[in-house]
Each structure stands twice: as structure tokens, then as C-alpha cells.
Amino acid sequence: MIKGFEGDFEVVKRAKHALLWFSSPGCPPCKMIKPFMYELSEKYKEVDIEKYHRVAQTFEVLNVPTLVYLKKGKEVHRQNLVRRKEEVEERLRKLLKV
């Protein structure tokens, strides 16, 4: 997993697995899940759609929060309206086994 995102998409493409967290500073649901997403900080990337709108456009992100799971740079799963840490952890475990 990659920690920290500075807009370098090549780093994301080279990662074996990555989880991009698309959020927005003014998004109440994003603020709600932020504490548990930070607990999983070794397993995700937060992408502020206001700062990196091109990345959000590339992944056709229309709502936040949105989680995009990548394997070798390709999207393998997407989650919208995440509310529980267990949802994210379960999906990560499944994807890392594949």
C-alpha cells in the first residue's frame, strides 16, 4: 500500500494493491469515517477531490466518500457511502487474498 498522495499517478499504478479514498473537506460523511480511515492509514490513500479533481474525474467519482480499490493500477472494486470500519477491512482482506 502507498501512504500519502501527491498526485503522482505513476506511483499508484506501480503499487501491487492500493485503496484510494476520495473525500472532500466539507463532506459530513467523510468527516464521520475519517477516524477509522486514519486507523487504516497503511492501507489507503486519501485523495481530496477538490485538490486532485483530475484523479477524481479519471475514476468517475461523483459522490464522496468513495473508496476505489486497485490491483496493479486497475480498479477491482468501488464502495460508496462507507459507514463502518469493518466494511473496509473485510473488503481489503478479500482483495489482498486474490
Foldseek 3Di string as FASTA:
>chain_A
DDAEDDPPLVVVLQDQKEKEWEDAPPDPLCVQCVVLVVVVRVHYYYDDCVVVVVVCVVVVPDDPGKIFMDGNSDTDDIDHSDRDSVVVVVVVVVVVVD
